[in-house]
Each structure stands twice: as C-alpha cells, then as structure tokens.
PDB file of all heavy atoms in Angstrom:
ATOM      1  N   SER A   1       4.740  -6.255 -12.991  1.00  0.00           N
ATOM      2  CA  SER A   1       6.088  -6.810 -12.963  1.00  0.00           C
ATOM      3  C   SER A   1       6.565  -7.071 -11.544  1.00  0.00           C
ATOM      4  O   SER A   1       7.560  -7.748 -11.347  1.00  0.00           O
ATOM      5  CB  SER A   1       7.057  -5.894 -13.708  1.00  0.00           C
ATOM      6  OG  SER A   1       6.909  -4.565 -13.297  1.00  0.00           O
ATOM      7  N   ASP A   2       5.859  -6.558 -10.569  1.00  0.00           N
ATOM      8  CA  ASP A   2       6.225  -6.751  -9.171  1.00  0.00           C
ATOM      9  C   ASP A   2       4.991  -6.497  -8.318  1.00  0.00           C
ATOM     10  O   ASP A   2       4.335  -5.479  -8.486  1.00  0.00           O
ATOM     11  CB  ASP A   2       7.316  -5.746  -8.793  1.00  0.00           C
ATOM     12  CG  ASP A   2       8.375  -6.307  -7.880  1.00  0.00           C
ATOM     13  OD1 ASP A   2       8.322  -7.508  -7.584  1.00  0.00           O
ATOM     14  OD2 ASP A   2       9.254  -5.535  -7.476  1.00  0.00           O
ATOM     15  N   GLY A   3       4.651  -7.417  -7.424  1.00  0.00           N
ATOM     16  CA  GLY A   3       3.486  -7.224  -6.574  1.00  0.00           C
ATOM     17  C   GLY A   3       2.190  -7.523  -7.312  1.00  0.00           C
ATOM     18  O   GLY A   3       2.195  -7.950  -8.459  1.00  0.00           O
ATOM     19  N   GLY A   4       1.085  -7.284  -6.628  1.00  0.00           N
ATOM     20  CA  GLY A   4      -0.221  -7.562  -7.206  1.00  0.00           C
ATOM     21  C   GLY A   4      -1.007  -6.304  -7.473  1.00  0.00           C
ATOM     22  O   GLY A   4      -0.653  -5.220  -7.005  1.00  0.00           O
ATOM     23  N   PRO A   5      -2.103  -6.423  -8.235  1.00  0.00           N
ATOM     24  CA  PRO A   5      -2.940  -5.253  -8.519  1.00  0.00           C
ATOM     25  C   PRO A   5      -3.379  -4.551  -7.232  1.00  0.00           C
ATOM     26  O   PRO A   5      -3.746  -5.205  -6.264  1.00  0.00           O
ATOM     27  CB  PRO A   5      -4.145  -5.855  -9.246  1.00  0.00           C
ATOM     28  CG  PRO A   5      -3.648  -7.141  -9.805  1.00  0.00           C
ATOM     29  CD  PRO A   5      -2.627  -7.643  -8.821  1.00  0.00           C
ATOM     30  N   ARG A   6      -3.296  -3.253  -7.243  1.00  0.00           N
ATOM     31  CA  ARG A   6      -3.739  -2.394  -6.137  1.00  0.00           C
ATOM     32  C   ARG A   6      -2.930  -2.592  -4.855  1.00  0.00           C
ATOM     33  O   ARG A   6      -3.311  -2.130  -3.798  1.00  0.00           O
ATOM     34  CB  ARG A   6      -5.244  -2.571  -5.899  1.00  0.00           C
ATOM     35  CG  ARG A   6      -6.062  -2.108  -7.094  1.00  0.00           C
ATOM     36  CD  ARG A   6      -7.496  -2.528  -7.035  1.00  0.00           C
ATOM     37  NE  ARG A   6      -7.727  -3.948  -7.198  1.00  0.00           N
ATOM     38  CZ  ARG A   6      -7.626  -4.631  -8.344  1.00  0.00           C
ATOM     39  NH1 ARG A   6      -7.266  -4.015  -9.433  1.00  0.00           N
ATOM     40  NH2 ARG A   6      -7.891  -5.912  -8.382  1.00  0.00           N
ATOM     41  N   GLU A   7      -1.804  -3.262  -4.931  1.00  0.00           N
ATOM     42  CA  GLU A   7      -0.937  -3.489  -3.778  1.00  0.00           C
ATOM     43  C   GLU A   7       0.126  -2.383  -3.737  1.00  0.00           C
ATOM     44  O   GLU A   7       0.867  -2.187  -4.714  1.00  0.00           O
ATOM     45  CB  GLU A   7      -0.265  -4.853  -3.929  1.00  0.00           C
ATOM     46  CG  GLU A   7       0.675  -5.230  -2.818  1.00  0.00           C
ATOM     47  CD  GLU A   7       1.306  -6.585  -3.097  1.00  0.00           C
ATOM     48  OE1 GLU A   7       0.555  -7.569  -3.287  1.00  0.00           O
ATOM     49  OE2 GLU A   7       2.548  -6.650  -3.157  1.00  0.00           O
ATOM     50  N   ILE A   8       0.178  -1.648  -2.628  1.00  0.00           N
ATOM     51  CA  ILE A   8       1.159  -0.572  -2.503  1.00  0.00           C
ATOM     52  C   ILE A   8       2.559  -1.148  -2.717  1.00  0.00           C
ATOM     53  O   ILE A   8       2.907  -2.183  -2.150  1.00  0.00           O
ATOM     54  CB  ILE A   8       1.044   0.123  -1.119  1.00  0.00           C
ATOM     55  CG1 ILE A   8      -0.365   0.677  -0.903  1.00  0.00           C
ATOM     56  CG2 ILE A   8       2.104   1.213  -0.962  1.00  0.00           C
ATOM     57  CD1 ILE A   8      -0.845   1.655  -1.939  1.00  0.00           C
ATOM     58  N   GLY A   9       3.326  -0.488  -3.577  1.00  0.00           N
ATOM     59  CA  GLY A   9       4.665  -0.952  -3.927  1.00  0.00           C
ATOM     60  C   GLY A   9       4.710  -1.767  -5.201  1.00  0.00           C
ATOM     61  O   GLY A   9       5.782  -2.044  -5.730  1.00  0.00           O
ATOM     62  N   ALA A  10       3.539  -2.158  -5.725  1.00  0.00           N
ATOM     63  CA  ALA A  10       3.489  -2.935  -6.965  1.00  0.00           C
ATOM     64  C   ALA A  10       3.987  -2.090  -8.131  1.00  0.00           C
ATOM     65  O   ALA A  10       3.854  -0.859  -8.126  1.00  0.00           O
ATOM     66  CB  ALA A  10       2.055  -3.395  -7.234  1.00  0.00           C
ATOM     67  N   THR A  11       4.563  -2.743  -9.128  1.00  0.00           N
ATOM     68  CA  THR A  11       4.989  -2.032 -10.332  1.00  0.00           C
ATOM     69  C   THR A  11       4.249  -2.581 -11.541  1.00  0.00           C
ATOM     70  O   THR A  11       3.896  -3.757 -11.592  1.00  0.00           O
ATOM     71  CB  THR A  11       6.512  -2.130 -10.568  1.00  0.00           C
ATOM     72  OG1 THR A  11       6.887  -3.501 -10.635  1.00  0.00           O
ATOM     73  CG2 THR A  11       7.289  -1.430  -9.472  1.00  0.00           C
ATOM     74  N   ARG A  12       4.012  -1.702 -12.488  1.00  0.00           N
ATOM     75  CA  ARG A  12       3.378  -2.068 -13.750  1.00  0.00           C
ATOM     76  C   ARG A  12       4.226  -1.463 -14.859  1.00  0.00           C
ATOM     77  O   ARG A  12       4.952  -0.479 -14.641  1.00  0.00           O
ATOM     78  CB  ARG A  12       1.940  -1.540 -13.830  1.00  0.00           C
ATOM     79  CG  ARG A  12       1.883  -0.029 -13.896  1.00  0.00           C
ATOM     80  CD  ARG A  12       0.477   0.497 -13.998  1.00  0.00           C
ATOM     81  NE  ARG A  12       0.508   1.957 -14.138  1.00  0.00           N
ATOM     82  CZ  ARG A  12      -0.545   2.704 -14.331  1.00  0.00           C
ATOM     83  NH1 ARG A  12      -1.737   2.157 -14.381  1.00  0.00           N
ATOM     84  NH2 ARG A  12      -0.439   4.010 -14.450  1.00  0.00           N
ATOM     85  N   SER A  13       4.125  -2.029 -16.052  1.00  0.00           N
ATOM     86  CA  SER A  13       4.887  -1.483 -17.171  1.00  0.00           C
ATOM     87  C   SER A  13       4.086  -1.633 -18.459  1.00  0.00           C
ATOM     88  O   SER A  13       3.196  -2.475 -18.568  1.00  0.00           O
ATOM     89  CB  SER A  13       6.237  -2.192 -17.303  1.00  0.00           C
ATOM     90  OG  SER A  13       6.051  -3.576 -17.528  1.00  0.00           O
ATOM     91  N   ILE A  14       4.442  -0.777 -19.420  1.00  0.00           N
ATOM     92  CA  ILE A  14       3.834  -0.838 -20.744  1.00  0.00           C
ATOM     93  C   ILE A  14       4.837  -0.282 -21.749  1.00  0.00           C
ATOM     94  O   ILE A  14       5.566   0.674 -21.458  1.00  0.00           O
ATOM     95  CB  ILE A  14       2.495  -0.062 -20.816  1.00  0.00           C
ATOM     96  CG1 ILE A  14       1.762  -0.355 -22.119  1.00  0.00           C
ATOM     97  CG2 ILE A  14       2.709   1.426 -20.606  1.00  0.00           C
ATOM     98  CD1 ILE A  14       0.326   0.126 -22.166  1.00  0.00           C
ATOM     99  N   GLU A  15       4.872  -0.906 -22.902  1.00  0.00           N
ATOM    100  CA  GLU A  15       5.682  -0.412 -24.021  1.00  0.00           C
ATOM    101  C   GLU A  15       4.738   0.351 -24.937  1.00  0.00           C
ATOM    102  O   GLU A  15       3.792  -0.225 -25.492  1.00  0.00           O
ATOM    103  CB  GLU A  15       6.328  -1.581 -24.762  1.00  0.00           C
ATOM    104  CG  GLU A  15       7.248  -1.169 -25.875  1.00  0.00           C
ATOM    105  CD  GLU A  15       8.611  -0.682 -25.391  1.00  0.00           C
ATOM    106  OE1 GLU A  15       9.082  -1.133 -24.338  1.00  0.00           O
ATOM    107  OE2 GLU A  15       9.193   0.168 -26.088  1.00  0.00           O
ATOM    108  N   ILE A  16       4.946   1.648 -25.091  1.00  0.00           N
ATOM    109  CA  ILE A  16       4.086   2.489 -25.920  1.00  0.00           C
ATOM    110  C   ILE A  16       4.777   2.684 -27.271  1.00  0.00           C
ATOM    111  O   ILE A  16       5.898   3.201 -27.311  1.00  0.00           O
ATOM    112  CB  ILE A  16       3.815   3.854 -25.248  1.00  0.00           C
ATOM    113  CG1 ILE A  16       3.152   3.635 -23.883  1.00  0.00           C
ATOM    114  CG2 ILE A  16       2.944   4.729 -26.147  1.00  0.00           C
ATOM    115  CD1 ILE A  16       3.000   4.894 -23.063  1.00  0.00           C
ATOM    116  N   PRO A  17       4.120   2.253 -28.361  1.00  0.00           N
ATOM    117  CA  PRO A  17       4.745   2.398 -29.679  1.00  0.00           C
ATOM    118  C   PRO A  17       5.201   3.835 -29.925  1.00  0.00           C
ATOM    119  O   PRO A  17       4.502   4.788 -29.588  1.00  0.00           O
ATOM    120  CB  PRO A  17       3.629   2.000 -30.655  1.00  0.00           C
ATOM    121  CG  PRO A  17       2.718   1.134 -29.844  1.00  0.00           C
ATOM    122  CD  PRO A  17       2.780   1.677 -28.435  1.00  0.00           C
ATOM    123  N   ASP A  18       6.361   3.973 -30.484  1.00  0.00           N
ATOM    124  CA  ASP A  18       6.982   5.260 -30.828  1.00  0.00           C
ATOM    125  C   ASP A  18       7.403   6.094 -29.619  1.00  0.00           C
ATOM    126  O   ASP A  18       7.953   7.178 -29.784  1.00  0.00           O
ATOM    127  CB  ASP A  18       6.069   6.105 -31.727  1.00  0.00           C
ATOM    128  CG  ASP A  18       5.718   5.412 -33.026  1.00  0.00           C
ATOM    129  OD1 ASP A  18       6.593   4.706 -33.585  1.00  0.00           O
ATOM    130  OD2 ASP A  18       4.567   5.543 -33.480  1.00  0.00           O
ATOM    131  N   LEU A  19       7.106   5.635 -28.397  1.00  0.00           N
ATOM    132  CA  LEU A  19       7.495   6.401 -27.213  1.00  0.00           C
ATOM    133  C   LEU A  19       8.446   5.621 -26.305  1.00  0.00           C
ATOM    134  O   LEU A  19       9.349   6.189 -25.724  1.00  0.00           O
ATOM    135  CB  LEU A  19       6.265   6.843 -26.416  1.00  0.00           C
ATOM    136  CG  LEU A  19       5.332   7.815 -27.121  1.00  0.00           C
ATOM    137  CD1 LEU A  19       4.127   8.132 -26.247  1.00  0.00           C
ATOM    138  CD2 LEU A  19       6.059   9.096 -27.498  1.00  0.00           C
ATOM    139  N   GLY A  20       8.207   4.327 -26.137  1.00  0.00           N
ATOM    140  CA  GLY A  20       9.099   3.516 -25.318  1.00  0.00           C
ATOM    141  C   GLY A  20       8.445   2.969 -24.066  1.00  0.00           C
ATOM    142  O   GLY A  20       7.233   3.019 -23.894  1.00  0.00           O
ATOM    143  N   LEU A  21       9.288   2.468 -23.178  1.00  0.00           N
ATOM    144  CA  LEU A  21       8.849   1.787 -21.965  1.00  0.00           C
ATOM    145  C   LEU A  21       8.525   2.776 -20.849  1.00  0.00           C
ATOM    146  O   LEU A  21       9.250   3.743 -20.627  1.00  0.00           O
ATOM    147  CB  LEU A  21       9.958   0.830 -21.488  1.00  0.00           C
ATOM    148  CG  LEU A  21       9.659   0.015 -20.237  1.00  0.00           C
ATOM    149  CD1 LEU A  21       8.575  -1.020 -20.518  1.00  0.00           C
ATOM    150  CD2 LEU A  21      10.931  -0.667 -19.753  1.00  0.00           C
ATOM    151  N   ILE A  22       7.435   2.476 -20.136  1.00  0.00           N
ATOM    152  CA  ILE A  22       7.055   3.216 -18.936  1.00  0.00           C
ATOM    153  C   ILE A  22       6.929   2.199 -17.812  1.00  0.00           C
ATOM    154  O   ILE A  22       6.272   1.171 -17.974  1.00  0.00           O
ATOM    155  CB  ILE A  22       5.697   3.944 -19.124  1.00  0.00           C
ATOM    156  CG1 ILE A  22       5.811   5.031 -20.177  1.00  0.00           C
ATOM    157  CG2 ILE A  22       5.178   4.518 -17.814  1.00  0.00           C
ATOM    158  CD1 ILE A  22       6.639   6.219 -19.780  1.00  0.00           C
ATOM    159  N   VAL A  23       7.530   2.482 -16.666  1.00  0.00           N
ATOM    160  CA  VAL A  23       7.415   1.630 -15.490  1.00  0.00           C
ATOM    161  C   VAL A  23       6.982   2.508 -14.323  1.00  0.00           C
ATOM    162  O   VAL A  23       7.632   3.510 -14.019  1.00  0.00           O
ATOM    163  CB  VAL A  23       8.747   0.914 -15.150  1.00  0.00           C
ATOM    164  CG1 VAL A  23       8.559  -0.002 -13.939  1.00  0.00           C
ATOM    165  CG2 VAL A  23       9.273   0.129 -16.344  1.00  0.00           C
ATOM    166  N   ASP A  24       5.858   2.139 -13.682  1.00  0.00           N
ATOM    167  CA  ASP A  24       5.285   2.898 -12.561  1.00  0.00           C
ATOM    168  C   ASP A  24       5.268   2.043 -11.303  1.00  0.00           C
ATOM    169  O   ASP A  24       5.081   0.831 -11.384  1.00  0.00           O
ATOM    170  CB  ASP A  24       3.819   3.265 -12.839  1.00  0.00           C
ATOM    171  CG  ASP A  24       3.613   4.160 -14.032  1.00  0.00           C
ATOM    172  OD1 ASP A  24       4.536   4.895 -14.390  1.00  0.00           O
ATOM    173  OD2 ASP A  24       2.501   4.121 -14.588  1.00  0.00           O
ATOM    174  N   ARG A  25       5.385   2.709 -10.147  1.00  0.00           N
ATOM    175  CA  ARG A  25       5.235   2.035  -8.850  1.00  0.00           C
ATOM    176  C   ARG A  25       4.087   2.696  -8.094  1.00  0.00           C
ATOM    177  O   ARG A  25       4.050   3.910  -7.919  1.00  0.00           O
ATOM    178  CB  ARG A  25       6.518   2.127  -8.039  1.00  0.00           C
ATOM    179  CG  ARG A  25       6.358   1.462  -6.649  1.00  0.00           C
ATOM    180  CD  ARG A  25       7.672   1.224  -5.937  1.00  0.00           C
ATOM    181  NE  ARG A  25       8.420   0.203  -6.668  1.00  0.00           N
ATOM    182  CZ  ARG A  25       9.638   0.381  -7.169  1.00  0.00           C
ATOM    183  NH1 ARG A  25      10.255   1.517  -7.024  1.00  0.00           N
ATOM    184  NH2 ARG A  25      10.239  -0.588  -7.817  1.00  0.00           N
ATOM    185  N   LEU A  26       3.141   1.889  -7.639  1.00  0.00           N
ATOM    186  CA  LEU A  26       1.967   2.367  -6.912  1.00  0.00           C
ATOM    187  C   LEU A  26       2.352   2.767  -5.488  1.00  0.00           C
ATOM    188  O   LEU A  26       2.998   2.006  -4.788  1.00  0.00           O
ATOM    189  CB  LEU A  26       0.914   1.256  -6.863  1.00  0.00           C
ATOM    190  CG  LEU A  26      -0.432   1.595  -6.235  1.00  0.00           C
ATOM    191  CD1 LEU A  26      -1.186   2.613  -7.092  1.00  0.00           C
ATOM    192  CD2 LEU A  26      -1.266   0.323  -6.079  1.00  0.00           C
ATOM    193  N   PHE A  27       1.965   3.992  -5.069  1.00  0.00           N
ATOM    194  CA  PHE A  27       2.254   4.390  -3.685  1.00  0.00           C
ATOM    195  C   PHE A  27       1.028   4.842  -2.903  1.00  0.00           C
ATOM    196  O   PHE A  27       1.115   5.065  -1.699  1.00  0.00           O
ATOM    197  CB  PHE A  27       3.389   5.417  -3.603  1.00  0.00           C
ATOM    198  CG  PHE A  27       3.100   6.774  -4.169  1.00  0.00           C
ATOM    199  CD1 PHE A  27       2.447   7.735  -3.412  1.00  0.00           C
ATOM    200  CD2 PHE A  27       3.532   7.114  -5.434  1.00  0.00           C
ATOM    201  CE1 PHE A  27       2.197   8.995  -3.922  1.00  0.00           C
ATOM    202  CE2 PHE A  27       3.300   8.373  -5.954  1.00  0.00           C
ATOM    203  CZ  PHE A  27       2.626   9.314  -5.193  1.00  0.00           C
ATOM    204  N   ALA A  28      -0.133   4.937  -3.541  1.00  0.00           N
ATOM    205  CA  ALA A  28      -1.370   5.251  -2.812  1.00  0.00           C
ATOM    206  C   ALA A  28      -2.546   4.699  -3.610  1.00  0.00           C
ATOM    207  O   ALA A  28      -2.528   4.706  -4.841  1.00  0.00           O
ATOM    208  CB  ALA A  28      -1.523   6.752  -2.621  1.00  0.00           C
ATOM    209  N   TYR A  29      -3.568   4.217  -2.876  1.00  0.00           N
ATOM    210  CA  TYR A  29      -4.749   3.648  -3.528  1.00  0.00           C
ATOM    211  C   TYR A  29      -5.949   3.861  -2.624  1.00  0.00           C
ATOM    212  O   TYR A  29      -5.880   3.625  -1.420  1.00  0.00           O
ATOM    213  CB  TYR A  29      -4.555   2.140  -3.780  1.00  0.00           C
ATOM    214  CG  TYR A  29      -5.647   1.551  -4.628  1.00  0.00           C
ATOM    215  CD1 TYR A  29      -5.533   1.539  -6.013  1.00  0.00           C
ATOM    216  CD2 TYR A  29      -6.799   1.012  -4.069  1.00  0.00           C
ATOM    217  CE1 TYR A  29      -6.538   1.007  -6.808  1.00  0.00           C
ATOM    218  CE2 TYR A  29      -7.805   0.483  -4.855  1.00  0.00           C
ATOM    219  CZ  TYR A  29      -7.668   0.487  -6.221  1.00  0.00           C
ATOM    220  OH  TYR A  29      -8.664  -0.022  -7.010  1.00  0.00           O
ATOM    221  N   SER A  30      -7.063   4.305  -3.226  1.00  0.00           N
ATOM    222  CA  SER A  30      -8.279   4.534  -2.451  1.00  0.00           C
ATOM    223  C   SER A  30      -9.488   4.202  -3.307  1.00  0.00           C
ATOM    224  O   SER A  30      -9.564   4.623  -4.471  1.00  0.00           O
ATOM    225  CB  SER A  30      -8.349   5.996  -2.006  1.00  0.00           C
ATOM    226  OG  SER A  30      -9.578   6.266  -1.383  1.00  0.00           O
ATOM    227  N   ARG A  31     -10.420   3.462  -2.720  1.00  0.00           N
ATOM    228  CA  ARG A  31     -11.665   3.172  -3.431  1.00  0.00           C
ATOM    229  C   ARG A  31     -12.817   3.377  -2.465  1.00  0.00           C
ATOM    230  O   ARG A  31     -12.946   2.666  -1.472  1.00  0.00           O
ATOM    231  CB  ARG A  31     -11.664   1.749  -3.963  1.00  0.00           C
ATOM    232  CG  ARG A  31     -12.901   1.482  -4.783  1.00  0.00           C
ATOM    233  CD  ARG A  31     -12.698   0.432  -5.808  1.00  0.00           C
ATOM    234  NE  ARG A  31     -13.904   0.378  -6.627  1.00  0.00           N
ATOM    235  CZ  ARG A  31     -14.236  -0.634  -7.349  1.00  0.00           C
ATOM    236  NH1 ARG A  31     -13.465  -1.686  -7.394  1.00  0.00           N
ATOM    237  NH2 ARG A  31     -15.338  -0.612  -8.063  1.00  0.00           N
ATOM    238  N   GLU A  32     -13.618   4.387  -2.753  1.00  0.00           N
ATOM    239  CA  GLU A  32     -14.778   4.728  -1.937  1.00  0.00           C
ATOM    240  C   GLU A  32     -16.002   4.802  -2.842  1.00  0.00           C
ATOM    241  O   GLU A  32     -15.858   4.834  -4.065  1.00  0.00           O
ATOM    242  CB  GLU A  32     -14.527   6.054  -1.225  1.00  0.00           C
ATOM    243  CG  GLU A  32     -13.332   5.976  -0.269  1.00  0.00           C
ATOM    244  CD  GLU A  32     -13.063   7.270   0.459  1.00  0.00           C
ATOM    245  OE1 GLU A  32     -13.976   8.111   0.529  1.00  0.00           O
ATOM    246  OE2 GLU A  32     -11.941   7.431   0.942  1.00  0.00           O
ATOM    247  N   PRO A  33     -17.213   4.848  -2.279  1.00  0.00           N
ATOM    248  CA  PRO A  33     -18.413   4.831  -3.116  1.00  0.00           C
ATOM    249  C   PRO A  33     -18.498   5.952  -4.164  1.00  0.00           C
ATOM    250  O   PRO A  33     -18.984   5.717  -5.268  1.00  0.00           O
ATOM    251  CB  PRO A  33     -19.559   4.958  -2.105  1.00  0.00           C
ATOM    252  CG  PRO A  33     -18.995   4.397  -0.839  1.00  0.00           C
ATOM    253  CD  PRO A  33     -17.539   4.775  -0.851  1.00  0.00           C
TER     254      PRO A  33
END
C-alpha cells in the first residue's frame, strides 16, 4: 500500500477472514547466503 517490496518504510496489508485488517510497516531487511 506504500513503497516497494523490501523497501524500508514500505507498508503491506491483508484482510484475514474472521480476524480483520492487518497493516505492517517494514523497518529492517537483510538477505545473506
């Protein structure tokens, strides 16, 4: 919903049946071997 994949500050959301909306903001990302 804001920013791009794996971009610090990006937000993602999902509507989970019977539970409701979840909105997360990415603040750290690391990919190593």
